[in-house]
Amino acid sequence: MEATAKDLRFYSKELLETVKRGEEITITYRGKPCAKLVKFEKPKQTNSGNELFGIWKDNDKVKNVENYVRNLRKGRF
């Protein structure tokens, strides 16, 4: 579905209800697409929040993320 910026301004409730039903809305400004409204989905929490990721996950020097970050920040505050 397409809607103009003016439609978004005046009919935001109706557009949000349309998005809740699962439809995507492209917002146009002066005839050109500039934004998309899609249904928000909460990200799934896969880790416990205490795990490293990326290049740090195989680093043997860092076992406890919270302590490591606290020690890094000690000098700054």
N, C-alpha and C. Protein backbone atom coordinates (compact mmCIF):
# COMPACT_ATOMS: atom_id res chain seq x y z
N MET A 1 0.85 -1.17 0.00
CA MET A 1 0.00 0.00 0.00
C MET A 1 0.89 1.24 0.00
N GLU A 2 0.44 2.28 -0.62
CA GLU A 2 1.16 3.56 -0.63
C GLU A 2 0.31 4.62 0.06
N ALA A 3 1.00 5.50 0.77
CA ALA A 3 0.33 6.63 1.40
C ALA A 3 1.25 7.84 1.28
N THR A 4 0.67 9.00 1.23
CA THR A 4 1.47 10.21 1.14
C THR A 4 1.83 10.70 2.55
N ALA A 5 2.75 11.64 2.61
CA ALA A 5 3.12 12.22 3.89
C ALA A 5 1.91 12.91 4.53
N LYS A 6 1.06 13.48 3.69
CA LYS A 6 -0.16 14.12 4.20
C LYS A 6 -1.10 13.08 4.79
N ASP A 7 -1.22 11.91 4.14
CA ASP A 7 -2.04 10.83 4.69
C ASP A 7 -1.51 10.39 6.04
N LEU A 8 -0.21 10.30 6.15
CA LEU A 8 0.41 9.90 7.42
C LEU A 8 0.07 10.90 8.51
N ARG A 9 0.07 12.16 8.14
CA ARG A 9 -0.23 13.21 9.12
C ARG A 9 -1.68 13.17 9.59
N PHE A 10 -2.60 12.98 8.66
CA PHE A 10 -4.02 13.05 9.00
C PHE A 10 -4.66 11.71 9.34
N TYR A 11 -4.10 10.61 8.85
CA TYR A 11 -4.71 9.29 9.05
C TYR A 11 -3.74 8.31 9.69
N SER A 12 -2.93 8.79 10.62
CA SER A 12 -1.90 7.93 11.21
C SER A 12 -2.51 6.73 11.94
N LYS A 13 -3.62 6.92 12.64
CA LYS A 13 -4.24 5.81 13.36
C LYS A 13 -4.67 4.70 12.41
N GLU A 14 -5.30 5.07 11.31
CA GLU A 14 -5.75 4.07 10.34
C GLU A 14 -4.56 3.36 9.69
N LEU A 15 -3.50 4.11 9.41
CA LEU A 15 -2.32 3.50 8.81
C LEU A 15 -1.65 2.53 9.79
N LEU A 16 -1.60 2.91 11.06
CA LEU A 16 -1.01 2.01 12.05
C LEU A 16 -1.85 0.74 12.22
N GLU A 17 -3.15 0.86 12.15
CA GLU A 17 -4.00 -0.33 12.23
C GLU A 17 -3.76 -1.24 11.03
N THR A 18 -3.52 -0.65 9.87
CA THR A 18 -3.21 -1.43 8.67
C THR A 18 -1.90 -2.18 8.85
N VAL A 19 -0.93 -1.52 9.44
CA VAL A 19 0.37 -2.15 9.69
C VAL A 19 0.23 -3.28 10.70
N LYS A 20 -0.61 -3.10 11.72
CA LYS A 20 -0.84 -4.15 12.73
C LYS A 20 -1.38 -5.42 12.09
N ARG A 21 -2.15 -5.26 11.02
CA ARG A 21 -2.70 -6.43 10.32
C ARG A 21 -1.64 -7.13 9.49
N GLY A 22 -0.44 -6.54 9.38
CA GLY A 22 0.64 -7.20 8.66
C GLY A 22 0.97 -6.61 7.31
N GLU A 23 0.28 -5.57 6.92
CA GLU A 23 0.54 -4.96 5.62
C GLU A 23 1.66 -3.93 5.74
N GLU A 24 2.48 -3.82 4.71
CA GLU A 24 3.55 -2.82 4.67
C GLU A 24 3.03 -1.59 3.92
N ILE A 25 3.42 -0.41 4.40
CA ILE A 25 2.98 0.83 3.78
C ILE A 25 4.22 1.63 3.38
N THR A 26 4.25 2.06 2.13
CA THR A 26 5.32 2.93 1.63
C THR A 26 4.82 4.36 1.69
N ILE A 27 5.56 5.21 2.38
CA ILE A 27 5.21 6.61 2.51
C ILE A 27 5.93 7.38 1.40
N THR A 28 5.17 8.18 0.66
CA THR A 28 5.77 8.97 -0.40
C THR A 28 5.75 10.45 -0.02
N TYR A 29 6.77 11.16 -0.47
CA TYR A 29 6.85 12.59 -0.27
C TYR A 29 7.13 13.23 -1.62
N ARG A 30 6.21 14.05 -2.08
CA ARG A 30 6.28 14.66 -3.40
C ARG A 30 6.41 13.61 -4.50
N GLY A 31 5.68 12.51 -4.31
CA GLY A 31 5.62 11.48 -5.32
C GLY A 31 6.74 10.45 -5.31
N LYS A 32 7.71 10.63 -4.42
CA LYS A 32 8.84 9.70 -4.36
C LYS A 32 8.81 8.94 -3.03
N PRO A 33 9.05 7.63 -3.06
CA PRO A 33 9.08 6.86 -1.81
C PRO A 33 10.20 7.34 -0.89
N CYS A 34 9.88 7.52 0.39
CA CYS A 34 10.90 8.00 1.32
C CYS A 34 10.92 7.21 2.63
N ALA A 35 9.89 6.42 2.91
CA ALA A 35 9.87 5.65 4.16
C ALA A 35 8.95 4.45 3.99
N LYS A 36 9.11 3.50 4.91
CA LYS A 36 8.27 2.32 4.88
C LYS A 36 7.80 2.03 6.31
N LEU A 37 6.52 1.78 6.47
CA LEU A 37 5.96 1.38 7.76
C LEU A 37 5.79 -0.14 7.74
N VAL A 38 6.41 -0.80 8.70
CA VAL A 38 6.28 -2.24 8.83
C VAL A 38 5.98 -2.58 10.28
N LYS A 39 5.43 -3.75 10.50
CA LYS A 39 5.09 -4.20 11.84
C LYS A 39 6.37 -4.40 12.65
N PHE A 40 6.36 -3.92 13.89
CA PHE A 40 7.51 -4.04 14.77
C PHE A 40 7.50 -5.41 15.42
N GLU A 41 8.65 -6.07 15.39
CA GLU A 41 8.80 -7.35 16.05
C GLU A 41 9.94 -7.24 17.04
N LYS A 42 9.70 -7.66 18.27
CA LYS A 42 10.74 -7.61 19.28
C LYS A 42 11.85 -8.59 18.91
N PRO A 43 13.09 -8.16 19.07
CA PRO A 43 14.20 -9.08 18.80
C PRO A 43 14.22 -10.20 19.83
N LYS A 44 14.55 -11.38 19.36
CA LYS A 44 14.60 -12.53 20.26
C LYS A 44 15.89 -12.48 21.06
N GLN A 45 15.79 -12.65 22.35
CA GLN A 45 16.95 -12.64 23.24
C GLN A 45 17.59 -14.02 23.19
N THR A 46 18.72 -14.13 22.50
CA THR A 46 19.34 -15.43 22.35
C THR A 46 20.43 -15.69 23.37
N ASN A 47 21.11 -14.62 23.80
CA ASN A 47 22.17 -14.85 24.78
C ASN A 47 21.77 -14.30 26.14
N SER A 48 22.57 -14.61 27.14
CA SER A 48 22.24 -14.21 28.50
C SER A 48 22.66 -12.77 28.78
N GLY A 49 23.25 -12.09 27.82
CA GLY A 49 23.70 -10.74 28.02
C GLY A 49 25.09 -10.68 28.62
N ASN A 50 25.68 -11.82 28.93
CA ASN A 50 27.00 -11.87 29.52
C ASN A 50 27.97 -12.60 28.61
N GLU A 51 27.66 -12.65 27.35
CA GLU A 51 28.52 -13.34 26.40
C GLU A 51 29.12 -12.35 25.43
N LEU A 52 30.31 -12.62 25.02
CA LEU A 52 30.95 -11.79 24.02
C LEU A 52 30.57 -12.28 22.63
N PHE A 53 30.70 -11.44 21.66
CA PHE A 53 30.35 -11.82 20.30
C PHE A 53 31.39 -11.25 19.35
N GLY A 54 31.33 -11.69 18.13
CA GLY A 54 32.23 -11.17 17.11
C GLY A 54 33.68 -11.55 17.37
N ILE A 55 34.57 -10.59 17.25
CA ILE A 55 36.00 -10.87 17.39
C ILE A 55 36.40 -11.17 18.82
N TRP A 56 35.55 -10.85 19.79
CA TRP A 56 35.90 -11.06 21.20
C TRP A 56 35.52 -12.44 21.71
N LYS A 57 34.71 -13.19 21.01
CA LYS A 57 34.21 -14.45 21.57
C LYS A 57 35.30 -15.50 21.78
N ASP A 58 36.38 -15.45 21.02
CA ASP A 58 37.46 -16.42 21.17
C ASP A 58 38.65 -15.86 21.95
N ASN A 59 38.49 -14.71 22.59
CA ASN A 59 39.57 -14.08 23.34
C ASN A 59 39.67 -14.72 24.73
N ASP A 60 40.81 -15.33 25.04
CA ASP A 60 40.99 -16.01 26.33
C ASP A 60 41.19 -15.03 27.48
N LYS A 61 41.57 -13.79 27.20
CA LYS A 61 41.82 -12.82 28.26
C LYS A 61 40.53 -12.35 28.92
N VAL A 62 39.42 -12.48 28.22
CA VAL A 62 38.15 -11.98 28.72
C VAL A 62 37.22 -13.16 29.03
N LYS A 63 37.01 -13.39 30.31
CA LYS A 63 36.08 -14.47 30.70
C LYS A 63 34.74 -13.90 31.15
N ASN A 64 34.77 -12.81 31.92
CA ASN A 64 33.55 -12.18 32.43
C ASN A 64 33.43 -10.81 31.78
N VAL A 65 32.43 -10.63 30.97
CA VAL A 65 32.27 -9.41 30.19
C VAL A 65 32.06 -8.20 31.10
N GLU A 66 31.20 -8.32 32.09
CA GLU A 66 30.88 -7.19 32.96
C GLU A 66 32.12 -6.68 33.69
N ASN A 67 32.90 -7.58 34.25
CA ASN A 67 34.12 -7.17 34.95
C ASN A 67 35.13 -6.54 33.99
N TYR A 68 35.25 -7.09 32.83
CA TYR A 68 36.18 -6.56 31.84
C TYR A 68 35.81 -5.13 31.45
N VAL A 69 34.55 -4.89 31.19
CA VAL A 69 34.10 -3.55 30.80
C VAL A 69 34.25 -2.58 31.96
N ARG A 70 33.92 -3.01 33.17
CA ARG A 70 34.09 -2.14 34.35
C ARG A 70 35.55 -1.72 34.50
N ASN A 71 36.45 -2.66 34.32
CA ASN A 71 37.88 -2.35 34.44
C ASN A 71 38.33 -1.39 33.34
N LEU A 72 37.78 -1.53 32.16
CA LEU A 72 38.12 -0.60 31.08
C LEU A 72 37.66 0.81 31.41
N ARG A 73 36.50 0.94 32.01
CA ARG A 73 35.91 2.25 32.27
C ARG A 73 36.40 2.91 33.55
N LYS A 74 37.13 2.21 34.37
CA LYS A 74 37.57 2.77 35.65
C LYS A 74 38.32 4.08 35.46
N GLY A 75 39.19 4.15 34.51
CA GLY A 75 39.97 5.35 34.31
C GLY A 75 39.21 6.53 33.76
N ARG A 76 38.08 6.29 33.15
CA ARG A 76 37.32 7.38 32.52
C ARG A 76 36.43 8.14 33.49
N PHE A 77 35.94 7.50 34.50
CA PHE A 77 34.94 8.15 35.36
C PHE A 77 35.47 8.47 36.73
